[in-house]
Amino acid sequence: MDGIYLASITGRAGVSTLMLVIIRGMLVGVDFGRVRYDGEVRQTPSGEYDVSVVYAVPPGAHLVTGQTTGPRSMLVPLSFTLPSDFADGRVITIETPLGSLKARFEKLRDLGA
């Protein structure tokens, strides 16, 4: 699973693109709105991936889910499960505390020894 991923995200108020790096179970990333993502990914016995992430939204950001942050940054915890072949280009629905998203993941390159 280690690699660099591109995620195209669509919400009710727009679209965004994320760059994600997953290495040894750690996930870090950033999107075009300067939202930062930090978390972890664990493979389940069934082959799916449990993702636990906190995204840090900067002050005054306009989110694809329709919210606009105020004068302070906002931390949003999020947990969801991805199928084993999540990066095959399919559209995956992710329910966040701020609204539903549609995501499409593409693995850009492997990271390996």
N, C-alpha and C. Protein backbone atom coordinates (compact mmCIF):
# COMPACT_ATOMS: atom_id res chain seq x y z
N MET A 1 0.80 -1.20 0.00
CA MET A 1 0.00 0.00 0.00
C MET A 1 0.85 1.27 0.00
N ASP A 2 2.10 1.19 0.48
CA ASP A 2 2.95 2.37 0.53
C ASP A 2 3.00 3.04 -0.84
N GLY A 3 2.80 4.34 -0.86
CA GLY A 3 2.86 5.04 -2.13
C GLY A 3 2.39 6.47 -2.03
N ILE A 4 2.44 7.13 -3.18
CA ILE A 4 1.93 8.49 -3.34
C ILE A 4 0.64 8.38 -4.14
N TYR A 5 -0.41 9.02 -3.62
CA TYR A 5 -1.74 8.92 -4.21
C TYR A 5 -2.28 10.30 -4.56
N LEU A 6 -3.07 10.34 -5.60
CA LEU A 6 -3.86 11.51 -5.96
C LEU A 6 -5.31 11.17 -5.66
N ALA A 7 -5.99 12.06 -4.96
CA ALA A 7 -7.42 11.84 -4.67
C ALA A 7 -8.20 13.03 -5.22
N SER A 8 -9.17 12.74 -6.04
CA SER A 8 -10.09 13.77 -6.55
C SER A 8 -11.35 13.69 -5.70
N ILE A 9 -11.71 14.81 -5.08
CA ILE A 9 -12.81 14.86 -4.12
C ILE A 9 -13.90 15.78 -4.64
N THR A 10 -15.14 15.35 -4.53
CA THR A 10 -16.30 16.17 -4.91
C THR A 10 -17.27 16.21 -3.74
N GLY A 11 -17.72 17.40 -3.41
CA GLY A 11 -18.73 17.60 -2.38
C GLY A 11 -19.85 18.44 -2.95
N ARG A 12 -20.84 18.76 -2.12
CA ARG A 12 -22.00 19.51 -2.64
C ARG A 12 -21.65 20.93 -3.05
N ALA A 13 -20.47 21.44 -2.61
CA ALA A 13 -20.11 22.82 -2.91
C ALA A 13 -18.86 22.96 -3.78
N GLY A 14 -18.37 21.86 -4.34
CA GLY A 14 -17.20 22.01 -5.20
C GLY A 14 -16.35 20.76 -5.29
N VAL A 15 -15.15 20.95 -5.84
CA VAL A 15 -14.20 19.86 -6.03
C VAL A 15 -12.84 20.28 -5.48
N SER A 16 -12.02 19.28 -5.18
CA SER A 16 -10.66 19.54 -4.74
C SER A 16 -9.80 18.34 -5.12
N THR A 17 -8.50 18.53 -5.04
CA THR A 17 -7.54 17.48 -5.32
C THR A 17 -6.58 17.37 -4.14
N LEU A 18 -6.32 16.15 -3.71
CA LEU A 18 -5.42 15.88 -2.59
C LEU A 18 -4.22 15.08 -3.07
N MET A 19 -3.07 15.37 -2.49
CA MET A 19 -1.90 14.52 -2.64
C MET A 19 -1.71 13.84 -1.29
N LEU A 20 -1.62 12.51 -1.30
CA LEU A 20 -1.48 11.73 -0.08
C LEU A 20 -0.25 10.83 -0.19
N VAL A 21 0.46 10.71 0.91
CA VAL A 21 1.56 9.76 1.00
C VAL A 21 1.20 8.79 2.12
N ILE A 22 1.28 7.50 1.79
CA ILE A 22 1.05 6.45 2.79
C ILE A 22 2.33 5.63 2.86
N ILE A 23 2.89 5.56 4.06
CA ILE A 23 4.12 4.79 4.25
C ILE A 23 4.12 4.18 5.64
N ARG A 24 4.28 2.85 5.67
CA ARG A 24 4.31 2.08 6.92
C ARG A 24 3.13 2.43 7.83
N GLY A 25 1.95 2.55 7.26
CA GLY A 25 0.74 2.80 8.02
C GLY A 25 0.46 4.25 8.34
N MET A 26 1.40 5.14 8.05
CA MET A 26 1.17 6.58 8.28
C MET A 26 0.62 7.21 7.01
N LEU A 27 -0.28 8.16 7.19
CA LEU A 27 -0.87 8.89 6.07
C LEU A 27 -0.64 10.38 6.32
N VAL A 28 -0.10 11.07 5.34
CA VAL A 28 0.03 12.53 5.38
C VAL A 28 -0.38 13.07 4.02
N GLY A 29 -0.94 14.28 4.02
CA GLY A 29 -1.34 14.86 2.75
C GLY A 29 -1.74 16.30 2.87
N VAL A 30 -2.04 16.87 1.72
CA VAL A 30 -2.48 18.26 1.63
C VAL A 30 -3.35 18.40 0.38
N ASP A 31 -4.30 19.33 0.42
CA ASP A 31 -5.11 19.58 -0.78
C ASP A 31 -4.89 21.00 -1.26
N PHE A 32 -5.54 21.36 -2.37
CA PHE A 32 -5.36 22.68 -2.96
C PHE A 32 -5.87 23.81 -2.08
N GLY A 33 -6.74 23.49 -1.12
CA GLY A 33 -7.26 24.49 -0.19
C GLY A 33 -6.38 24.65 1.04
N ARG A 34 -5.20 24.05 1.03
CA ARG A 34 -4.24 24.09 2.14
C ARG A 34 -4.72 23.32 3.36
N VAL A 35 -5.67 22.41 3.18
CA VAL A 35 -6.10 21.52 4.26
C VAL A 35 -5.04 20.42 4.39
N ARG A 36 -4.57 20.19 5.62
CA ARG A 36 -3.56 19.17 5.89
C ARG A 36 -4.21 17.93 6.48
N TYR A 37 -3.71 16.77 6.10
CA TYR A 37 -4.26 15.48 6.54
C TYR A 37 -3.14 14.68 7.23
N ASP A 38 -3.43 14.19 8.43
CA ASP A 38 -2.50 13.35 9.18
C ASP A 38 -3.27 12.19 9.79
N GLY A 39 -2.76 10.98 9.61
CA GLY A 39 -3.47 9.85 10.19
C GLY A 39 -2.75 8.54 9.98
N GLU A 40 -3.53 7.48 10.04
CA GLU A 40 -2.97 6.15 9.86
C GLU A 40 -3.93 5.27 9.07
N VAL A 41 -3.35 4.25 8.46
CA VAL A 41 -4.10 3.29 7.66
C VAL A 41 -3.70 1.90 8.13
N ARG A 42 -4.69 1.07 8.40
CA ARG A 42 -4.42 -0.31 8.85
C ARG A 42 -5.24 -1.27 7.99
N GLN A 43 -4.57 -2.30 7.51
CA GLN A 43 -5.28 -3.32 6.73
C GLN A 43 -6.00 -4.27 7.68
N THR A 44 -7.24 -4.57 7.35
CA THR A 44 -8.06 -5.48 8.14
C THR A 44 -7.81 -6.92 7.68
N PRO A 45 -8.22 -7.91 8.47
CA PRO A 45 -8.07 -9.31 8.04
C PRO A 45 -8.78 -9.61 6.71
N SER A 46 -9.83 -8.85 6.39
CA SER A 46 -10.56 -9.07 5.14
C SER A 46 -9.90 -8.38 3.94
N GLY A 47 -8.81 -7.62 4.18
CA GLY A 47 -8.11 -6.96 3.09
C GLY A 47 -8.50 -5.52 2.87
N GLU A 48 -9.54 -5.05 3.55
CA GLU A 48 -9.92 -3.64 3.45
C GLU A 48 -8.94 -2.80 4.26
N TYR A 49 -9.10 -1.48 4.17
CA TYR A 49 -8.23 -0.56 4.90
C TYR A 49 -9.06 0.34 5.80
N ASP A 50 -8.76 0.31 7.09
CA ASP A 50 -9.37 1.24 8.04
C ASP A 50 -8.50 2.48 8.09
N VAL A 51 -9.11 3.62 7.83
CA VAL A 51 -8.40 4.89 7.79
C VAL A 51 -8.90 5.75 8.95
N SER A 52 -7.96 6.30 9.68
CA SER A 52 -8.26 7.23 10.77
C SER A 52 -7.40 8.46 10.52
N VAL A 53 -8.05 9.60 10.32
CA VAL A 53 -7.32 10.80 9.94
C VAL A 53 -7.92 12.02 10.65
N VAL A 54 -7.08 13.00 10.87
CA VAL A 54 -7.54 14.31 11.34
C VAL A 54 -7.13 15.31 10.26
N TYR A 55 -8.10 16.08 9.79
CA TYR A 55 -7.70 17.10 8.83
C TYR A 55 -7.78 18.47 9.48
N ALA A 56 -6.74 19.26 9.19
CA ALA A 56 -6.59 20.61 9.76
C ALA A 56 -6.96 21.62 8.69
N VAL A 57 -8.05 22.32 8.93
CA VAL A 57 -8.57 23.29 7.97
C VAL A 57 -8.09 24.68 8.38
N PRO A 58 -7.45 25.42 7.47
CA PRO A 58 -6.94 26.74 7.83
C PRO A 58 -8.06 27.77 7.98
N PRO A 59 -7.79 28.89 8.65
CA PRO A 59 -8.80 29.94 8.79
C PRO A 59 -9.28 30.44 7.42
N GLY A 60 -10.57 30.72 7.32
CA GLY A 60 -11.14 31.29 6.09
C GLY A 60 -11.23 30.34 4.92
N ALA A 61 -11.09 29.05 5.15
CA ALA A 61 -11.14 28.07 4.05
C ALA A 61 -12.58 27.81 3.64
N HIS A 62 -12.76 27.54 2.34
CA HIS A 62 -14.06 27.15 1.78
C HIS A 62 -13.98 25.67 1.45
N LEU A 63 -14.73 24.85 2.16
CA LEU A 63 -14.68 23.41 1.99
C LEU A 63 -15.65 22.93 0.91
N VAL A 64 -15.31 21.80 0.27
CA VAL A 64 -16.18 21.25 -0.77
C VAL A 64 -17.51 20.77 -0.20
N THR A 65 -17.59 20.60 1.12
CA THR A 65 -18.84 20.20 1.76
C THR A 65 -19.75 21.40 2.03
N GLY A 66 -19.26 22.62 1.75
CA GLY A 66 -20.10 23.80 1.86
C GLY A 66 -19.80 24.72 3.02
N GLN A 67 -18.98 24.28 3.96
CA GLN A 67 -18.67 25.13 5.11
C GLN A 67 -17.52 26.09 4.79
N THR A 68 -17.51 27.20 5.51
CA THR A 68 -16.39 28.14 5.49
C THR A 68 -15.93 28.31 6.93
N THR A 69 -14.64 28.13 7.14
CA THR A 69 -14.13 28.28 8.50
C THR A 69 -14.05 29.76 8.84
N GLY A 70 -14.10 30.04 10.13
CA GLY A 70 -14.00 31.40 10.62
C GLY A 70 -12.56 31.84 10.73
N PRO A 71 -12.27 32.69 11.71
CA PRO A 71 -10.93 33.24 11.84
C PRO A 71 -9.92 32.27 12.46
N ARG A 72 -10.38 31.10 12.89
CA ARG A 72 -9.47 30.12 13.49
C ARG A 72 -9.46 28.84 12.66
N SER A 73 -8.36 28.11 12.78
CA SER A 73 -8.29 26.83 12.09
C SER A 73 -9.22 25.84 12.79
N MET A 74 -9.50 24.75 12.12
CA MET A 74 -10.44 23.75 12.63
C MET A 74 -9.82 22.37 12.42
N LEU A 75 -9.90 21.51 13.45
CA LEU A 75 -9.45 20.13 13.33
C LEU A 75 -10.67 19.23 13.24
N VAL A 76 -10.69 18.35 12.23
CA VAL A 76 -11.84 17.47 12.01
C VAL A 76 -11.35 16.02 11.99
N PRO A 77 -11.77 15.20 12.99
CA PRO A 77 -11.41 13.78 12.98
C PRO A 77 -12.34 13.02 12.04
N LEU A 78 -11.78 12.00 11.38
CA LEU A 78 -12.55 11.24 10.42
C LEU A 78 -12.05 9.81 10.39
N SER A 79 -12.96 8.85 10.41
CA SER A 79 -12.62 7.44 10.25
C SER A 79 -13.53 6.85 9.17
N PHE A 80 -12.94 6.00 8.33
CA PHE A 80 -13.71 5.34 7.28
C PHE A 80 -12.94 4.12 6.81
N THR A 81 -13.61 3.28 6.04
CA THR A 81 -13.00 2.06 5.51
C THR A 81 -12.96 2.14 3.99
N LEU A 82 -11.82 1.73 3.42
CA LEU A 82 -11.66 1.67 1.98
C LEU A 82 -11.55 0.22 1.53
N PRO A 83 -12.09 -0.10 0.34
CA PRO A 83 -11.93 -1.47 -0.17
C PRO A 83 -10.46 -1.74 -0.52
N SER A 84 -10.11 -3.01 -0.63
CA SER A 84 -8.71 -3.38 -0.90
C SER A 84 -8.20 -2.79 -2.21
N ASP A 85 -9.06 -2.62 -3.18
CA ASP A 85 -8.66 -2.09 -4.49
C ASP A 85 -9.18 -0.66 -4.67
N PHE A 86 -9.09 0.16 -3.60
CA PHE A 86 -9.65 1.51 -3.60
C PHE A 86 -9.04 2.42 -4.66
N ALA A 87 -7.80 2.16 -5.10
CA ALA A 87 -7.13 3.06 -6.04
C ALA A 87 -7.30 2.63 -7.48
N ASP A 88 -8.38 1.93 -7.79
CA ASP A 88 -8.60 1.47 -9.16
C ASP A 88 -9.42 2.46 -10.00
N GLY A 89 -9.69 3.65 -9.45
CA GLY A 89 -10.41 4.67 -10.20
C GLY A 89 -11.89 4.74 -9.91
N ARG A 90 -12.40 3.82 -9.10
CA ARG A 90 -13.82 3.85 -8.77
C ARG A 90 -14.13 5.04 -7.87
N VAL A 91 -15.37 5.46 -7.87
CA VAL A 91 -15.84 6.53 -6.98
C VAL A 91 -16.30 5.91 -5.66
N ILE A 92 -15.77 6.44 -4.57
CA ILE A 92 -16.06 5.93 -3.23
C ILE A 92 -16.71 7.04 -2.42
N THR A 93 -17.83 6.75 -1.78
CA THR A 93 -18.50 7.72 -0.91
C THR A 93 -17.88 7.66 0.48
N ILE A 94 -17.55 8.83 1.02
CA ILE A 94 -16.99 8.94 2.37
C ILE A 94 -17.87 9.91 3.14
N GLU A 95 -18.39 9.45 4.25
CA GLU A 95 -19.21 10.29 5.12
C GLU A 95 -18.31 10.98 6.14
N THR A 96 -18.28 12.31 6.12
CA THR A 96 -17.47 13.07 7.06
C THR A 96 -18.39 13.77 8.06
N PRO A 97 -17.86 14.28 9.17
CA PRO A 97 -18.68 15.06 10.10
C PRO A 97 -19.28 16.32 9.47
N LEU A 98 -18.70 16.76 8.34
CA LEU A 98 -19.16 17.99 7.69
C LEU A 98 -19.99 17.73 6.44
N GLY A 99 -20.19 16.47 6.09
CA GLY A 99 -20.99 16.15 4.91
C GLY A 99 -20.39 15.03 4.10
N SER A 100 -21.13 14.58 3.13
CA SER A 100 -20.74 13.46 2.28
C SER A 100 -19.80 13.93 1.17
N LEU A 101 -18.82 13.07 0.85
CA LEU A 101 -17.88 13.33 -0.23
C LEU A 101 -17.85 12.15 -1.18
N LYS A 102 -17.53 12.41 -2.41
CA LYS A 102 -17.23 11.37 -3.40
C LYS A 102 -15.74 11.49 -3.69
N ALA A 103 -15.02 10.36 -3.60
CA ALA A 103 -13.58 10.38 -3.80
C ALA A 103 -13.17 9.34 -4.83
N ARG A 104 -12.17 9.70 -5.62
CA ARG A 104 -11.58 8.77 -6.59
C ARG A 104 -10.07 8.81 -6.35
N PHE A 105 -9.48 7.64 -6.04
CA PHE A 105 -8.06 7.55 -5.71
C PHE A 105 -7.28 6.94 -6.86
N GLU A 106 -6.05 7.46 -7.07
CA GLU A 106 -5.15 6.92 -8.07
C GLU A 106 -3.76 6.84 -7.44
N LYS A 107 -3.15 5.67 -7.52
CA LYS A 107 -1.78 5.53 -7.03
C LYS A 107 -0.83 6.03 -8.09
N LEU A 108 -0.05 7.06 -7.75
CA LEU A 108 0.87 7.65 -8.71
C LEU A 108 2.20 6.93 -8.77
N ARG A 109 2.67 6.45 -7.58
CA ARG A 109 3.91 5.70 -7.56
C ARG A 109 4.06 4.94 -6.26
N ASP A 110 4.82 3.88 -6.31
CA ASP A 110 5.13 3.08 -5.14
C ASP A 110 6.24 3.76 -4.34
N LEU A 111 6.25 3.49 -3.06
CA LEU A 111 7.37 3.85 -2.20
C LEU A 111 7.86 2.55 -1.60
N GLY A 112 9.06 2.18 -1.89
CA GLY A 112 9.55 0.91 -1.39
C GLY A 112 11.04 0.95 -1.14
N ALA A 113 11.48 -0.11 -0.59
CA ALA A 113 12.91 -0.20 -0.26
C ALA A 113 13.72 -0.50 -1.50
